[in-house]
Amino acid sequence: TVASPIDLSEQEWNQTMNTDLRGPWLVSKCVCKLMIEAKQKGSIINIGSMAGFDRGQLPGSLAYSSAKAGVNIMTK
């Protein structure tokens, strides 16, 4: 959703977080459990965005940039 911080609705914020942050977290969590149970090493690769490092690249993208910053941090 492209909106200024004061125009962004709570529903839009939650939808973006659920899609762009919660989704990768849930998949990563599930895969980690499976790898541990199987005693298998592996890697989890999440797709982030440069918007997670610099919101200025996408004006009006507070929720998206915040979610992608979360993915970047979660994946490290």
Foldseek 3Di string as FASTA:
>chain_A
DQAAPVPQDPVNLVVLLCPLAVVLVVVVVVVVVVCVVVVHDDADDDDADCLLVPVVVPHRCVSNNVRSVNVVVVRD
